[in-house]
Protein backbone atom coordinates (compact mmCIF):
# COMPACT_ATOMS: atom_id res chain seq x y z
CA MET A 1 95.03 122.04 117.02
CA ARG A 2 98.13 121.17 119.05
CA PHE A 3 99.58 119.45 115.95
CA PHE A 4 99.00 122.63 113.92
CA LEU A 5 100.79 124.78 116.51
CA LEU A 6 103.79 122.45 116.41
CA LEU A 7 103.94 122.78 112.61
CA LEU A 8 103.38 126.54 112.51
CA PRO A 9 107.13 127.42 112.40
CA LEU A 10 107.52 125.12 109.38
CA LEU A 11 104.61 126.79 107.60
CA MET A 12 105.99 130.25 108.31
CA SER A 13 109.45 129.41 106.93
CA THR A 14 108.43 127.24 103.95
CA PRO A 15 106.86 128.79 100.81
CA LEU A 16 103.32 127.54 100.21
CA PHE A 17 102.48 126.13 96.80
CA ALA A 18 99.18 125.43 95.06
CA LEU A 19 98.33 121.77 95.33
CA VAL A 20 95.34 119.57 94.59
CA THR A 21 95.09 116.13 96.12
CA ILE A 22 96.43 113.21 94.06
CA ALA A 23 94.37 110.52 95.86
CA PRO A 24 92.38 108.28 93.45
CA VAL A 25 88.60 108.49 93.82
CA ASP A 26 85.82 105.90 93.47
CA ILE A 27 82.35 106.44 92.05
CA GLY A 28 79.87 106.77 94.90
CA SER A 29 82.46 107.59 97.57
CA HIS A 30 81.34 111.24 97.82
CA PRO A 31 78.07 111.78 95.86
CA GLY A 32 77.27 115.29 94.68
CA LEU A 33 79.46 118.35 94.22
CA SER A 34 82.69 118.73 96.21
CA GLY A 35 86.22 120.05 95.86
CA ASN A 36 89.10 121.88 97.47
CA VAL A 37 90.95 125.15 97.07
CA SER A 38 94.45 126.26 98.06
CA GLY A 39 96.39 129.47 97.63
CA SER A 40 99.25 131.47 99.05
CA LEU A 41 101.07 134.77 98.83
CA SER A 42 104.71 134.86 99.93
CA SER A 43 106.58 138.17 99.96
CA LYS A 44 110.04 139.11 101.28
CA SER A 45 111.86 142.44 101.06
CA GLY A 46 115.07 143.96 102.40
CA ASN A 47 118.07 141.64 102.17
CA THR A 48 115.89 139.27 100.11
CA ASP A 49 113.44 140.55 97.50
CA LYS A 50 111.15 137.67 96.59
CA LYS A 51 107.46 137.22 95.71
CA GLU A 52 105.33 134.16 95.01
CA TYR A 53 101.65 134.02 94.05
CA VAL A 54 99.92 130.64 93.92
CA LEU A 55 96.39 129.28 93.37
CA GLY A 56 95.02 125.74 93.22
CA LEU A 57 91.45 124.55 92.65
CA ARG A 58 89.73 121.17 92.26
CA VAL A 59 86.01 120.62 91.57
CA GLN A 60 84.36 117.19 91.45
CA TYR A 61 80.87 115.87 90.67
CA ASP A 62 80.05 112.31 91.70
CA GLN A 63 76.84 110.95 90.16
CA GLY A 64 76.92 108.12 92.67
CA LYS A 65 76.53 104.99 90.51
CA GLU A 66 77.62 105.33 86.89
CA TYR A 67 80.13 108.16 86.51
CA LEU A 68 82.28 110.78 88.20
CA ALA A 69 83.90 113.91 86.73
CA TRP A 70 86.57 116.20 88.14
CA GLY A 71 88.73 119.10 87.06
CA THR A 72 91.82 120.78 88.49
CA PHE A 73 93.57 124.09 87.85
CA THR A 74 96.83 125.44 89.29
CA TYR A 75 98.76 128.65 88.68
CA ASN A 76 102.25 129.52 89.98
CA TYR A 77 104.08 132.82 89.60
CA GLY A 78 107.34 133.93 91.22
CA GLU A 79 109.85 136.79 91.16
CA ASN A 80 113.32 137.12 92.67
CA SER A 81 114.86 140.60 92.88
CA GLY A 82 112.38 141.86 90.29
CA THR A 83 113.16 139.08 87.80
CA LYS A 84 110.49 136.49 87.00
CA ASN A 85 111.74 133.01 87.87
CA GLU A 86 108.52 131.00 87.60
CA GLU A 87 105.23 131.13 85.71
CA LYS A 88 103.21 128.06 84.90
CA MET A 89 99.59 126.99 84.53
CA TYR A 90 98.06 123.53 84.55
CA GLY A 91 94.51 122.32 83.87
CA HIS A 92 93.15 118.76 83.81
CA LEU A 93 89.63 117.38 83.21
CA ARG A 94 88.76 113.71 83.71
CA THR A 95 85.63 111.54 83.69
CA ILE A 96 85.41 108.04 85.14
CA HIS A 97 82.66 105.64 84.01
CA ALA A 98 81.79 102.37 85.76
CA LEU A 99 82.18 99.25 83.56
CA ASP A 100 81.13 96.45 85.91
CA GLY A 101 79.66 98.30 88.87
CA GLY A 102 82.80 97.64 90.89
CA ASP A 103 86.51 97.42 90.23
CA TRP A 104 86.76 98.34 86.51
CA CYS A 105 86.28 101.85 85.11
CA ALA A 106 86.81 103.65 81.81
CA GLU A 107 88.60 107.02 81.86
CA LEU A 108 88.57 109.98 79.45
CA PHE A 109 90.78 113.02 80.02
CA LEU A 110 91.91 116.38 78.62
CA GLN A 111 94.89 118.41 79.78
CA SER A 112 96.54 121.75 79.04
CA GLU A 113 99.63 123.35 80.52
CA GLN A 114 102.14 126.17 80.08
CA ASP A 115 105.58 126.55 81.64
CA ASP A 116 107.79 129.46 80.57
CA PHE A 117 110.88 128.01 82.21
CA LYS A 118 110.58 124.69 80.36
CA ASP A 119 110.08 126.59 77.07
CA ILE A 120 106.51 125.23 76.82
CA ASN A 121 104.14 127.78 75.33
CA GLU A 122 101.30 125.24 75.20
CA ARG A 123 101.12 121.49 75.84
CA SER A 124 97.70 119.94 75.24
CA LEU A 125 96.61 116.33 75.23
CA ALA A 126 93.53 114.12 75.03
CA GLY A 127 93.39 110.47 76.01
CA ALA A 128 91.44 107.47 77.25
CA GLY A 129 92.07 104.28 79.18
CA VAL A 130 90.79 101.76 81.71
CA ARG A 131 91.41 101.56 85.44
CA TRP A 132 91.40 98.45 87.63
CA ARG A 133 91.07 98.59 91.41
CA PHE A 134 93.09 95.50 92.24
CA PHE A 135 92.58 95.58 95.99
CA ASN A 136 90.19 97.31 98.35
CA SER A 137 90.78 96.81 102.06
CA GLU A 138 89.79 98.98 104.98
CA GLU A 139 92.89 97.79 106.82
CA TRP A 140 95.45 98.07 103.98
CA GLY A 141 93.92 100.73 101.72
CA LYS A 142 93.16 100.70 98.00
CA GLY A 143 95.36 99.94 94.99
CA TYR A 144 94.77 100.87 91.34
CA ALA A 145 96.39 100.24 87.96
CA GLY A 146 95.60 102.12 84.74
CA ILE A 147 96.50 101.63 81.09
CA GLY A 148 95.61 103.67 77.99
CA GLY A 149 97.01 106.24 75.62
CA PHE A 150 96.85 109.88 74.59
CA PHE A 151 97.57 112.28 71.75
CA GLU A 152 99.92 115.10 72.70
CA ARG A 153 100.82 118.41 71.04
CA ILE A 154 103.61 120.63 72.36
CA ASP A 155 104.16 124.17 71.06
CA TYR A 156 107.48 125.55 72.30
CA SER A 157 108.23 129.21 72.90
CA HIS A 158 111.36 129.00 70.70
CA PRO A 159 110.47 126.62 67.82
CA LEU A 160 113.79 127.23 66.02
CA ILE A 161 115.51 125.63 69.03
CA ASN A 162 112.78 123.18 70.02
CA PRO A 163 110.49 122.32 67.08
CA HIS A 164 106.81 121.73 67.82
CA GLU A 165 105.84 118.13 68.58
CA ALA A 166 102.79 115.95 67.89
CA ASN A 167 103.03 112.61 69.69
CA LYS A 168 101.14 109.45 70.54
CA ARG A 169 102.03 108.12 73.98
CA LEU A 170 101.16 105.11 76.09
CA ASN A 171 99.77 106.09 79.49
CA SER A 172 100.21 103.68 82.41
CA TYR A 173 100.09 104.20 86.14
CA VAL A 174 99.78 102.57 89.55
CA ALA A 175 98.18 104.33 92.51
CA TYR A 176 97.61 103.68 96.18
CA THR A 177 95.67 105.45 98.91
CA LYS A 178 95.20 104.67 102.61
CA SER A 179 93.11 106.54 105.16
CA PHE A 180 94.12 106.35 108.80
CA SER A 181 93.58 108.17 112.07
CA VAL A 182 90.78 110.76 111.79
CA GLY A 183 90.73 112.25 108.31
CA SER A 184 94.43 111.61 107.56
CA LYS A 185 95.34 110.06 104.20
CA LEU A 186 98.50 108.76 102.53
CA SER A 187 98.55 108.50 98.71
CA TYR A 188 100.97 107.59 95.93
CA ILE A 189 100.78 107.66 92.13
CA GLY A 190 103.44 106.70 89.59
CA TYR A 191 103.22 107.28 85.81
CA TYR A 192 105.13 105.81 82.88
CA GLN A 193 104.44 107.48 79.51
CA PRO A 194 106.61 106.35 76.56
CA LEU A 195 106.14 107.28 72.91
CA ILE A 196 104.29 104.47 71.15
CA ALA A 197 106.74 104.66 68.21
CA ASP A 198 109.90 104.99 70.35
CA SER A 199 110.04 103.56 73.87
CA GLY A 200 113.36 105.36 74.45
CA ASP A 201 111.45 108.66 74.63
CA TYR A 202 109.49 108.50 77.88
CA VAL A 203 108.36 110.50 80.90
CA THR A 204 107.99 109.06 84.40
CA SER A 205 106.76 110.67 87.58
CA GLN A 206 106.50 109.54 91.19
CA THR A 207 104.34 111.47 93.67
CA ALA A 208 103.65 110.80 97.35
CA GLU A 209 101.25 112.85 99.46
CA LEU A 210 100.25 113.03 103.11
CA ILE A 211 97.13 114.92 104.21
CA VAL A 212 96.63 115.69 107.91
CA PRO A 213 93.52 117.53 109.21
CA VAL A 214 94.16 120.73 111.10
CA TYR A 215 90.76 122.16 111.99
CA GLY A 216 87.33 121.56 110.46
CA LYS A 217 87.74 121.37 106.68
CA LEU A 218 91.27 122.79 106.77
CA SER A 219 94.15 120.34 106.25
CA LEU A 220 97.92 120.38 106.03
CA THR A 221 99.32 118.68 102.91
CA LEU A 222 102.89 117.44 102.44
CA LEU A 223 103.95 116.27 98.98
CA ALA A 224 107.11 114.97 97.33
CA LYS A 225 107.38 114.60 93.52
CA TYR A 226 110.08 113.32 91.19
CA LEU A 227 109.77 113.82 87.41
CA TYR A 228 112.10 112.39 84.76
CA ASP A 229 111.98 113.18 81.02
CA SER A 230 114.36 111.03 78.97
CA ARG A 231 114.44 113.57 76.10
CA PRO A 232 113.53 117.03 77.38
CA PRO A 233 113.63 120.23 75.31
CA ILE A 234 117.08 121.70 74.66
CA GLY A 235 118.17 123.71 77.69
CA VAL A 236 115.86 121.86 80.13
CA GLU A 237 117.09 119.40 82.77
CA LYS A 238 115.94 115.78 82.62
CA LYS A 239 115.09 115.63 86.33
CA ASP A 240 112.76 117.70 88.50
CA THR A 241 112.32 117.19 92.23
CA THR A 242 109.69 119.06 94.24
CA PHE A 243 108.78 119.18 97.93
CA LEU A 244 105.61 121.08 98.81
CA THR A 245 103.92 122.18 102.02
CA ASN A 246 100.41 123.54 101.73
CA LEU A 247 97.16 124.38 103.48
CA LEU A 248 94.08 122.89 101.82
CA TRP A 249 90.42 123.80 102.39
CA GLU A 250 87.74 121.35 101.29
CA PHE A 251 84.16 122.18 100.33
């Protein structure tokens, strides 16, 4: 609780964003139904007129031996002086199936997203791959590597400027997670997703996350993310950097 009181000024001065944990999960680590939810409302008036509405949700079912399934949803909306400056939605479903009862798993996933300020009316994808847990140590944490591919369709809001796309991409990632102290966790995941037909067209992302318990099932989450798109839509920057502070409640 003392740690929470020390961080309270930061929480009061930093906008809260919807966030769902990025930490990789293993089959059997948390059998049954679980998840987390986050949300915030930030409003300022007077010299600054600003509003932000945010929601994040993750639900997971762990069968315990053979498979695990989870889904996430986030929604962000913002206004500044009565003008909308952010609206985006993101949904992801994934199933993980054990291949050898240990370190190897098969993955299937679906994803959909919208982002008005990246000109994306709808981006949907479906893919599959395999994941290898290449080390598993209580002292040093867990490391993972994944490889696979997905089909991607992007419908832009202004197709005369940015024509619709249908792509096949390689999907590769490395991930790491380490628990320490009581309930605290540090995680990282990095993606590299080039077009199969043109490796010069690729997307990379790097995300690091720290979760610190506050009280009971309530935690403070700090996240940093860097996204790079080598060939973004016309009018969209190649780089995106995000720093998030959030309160997360687990169930």
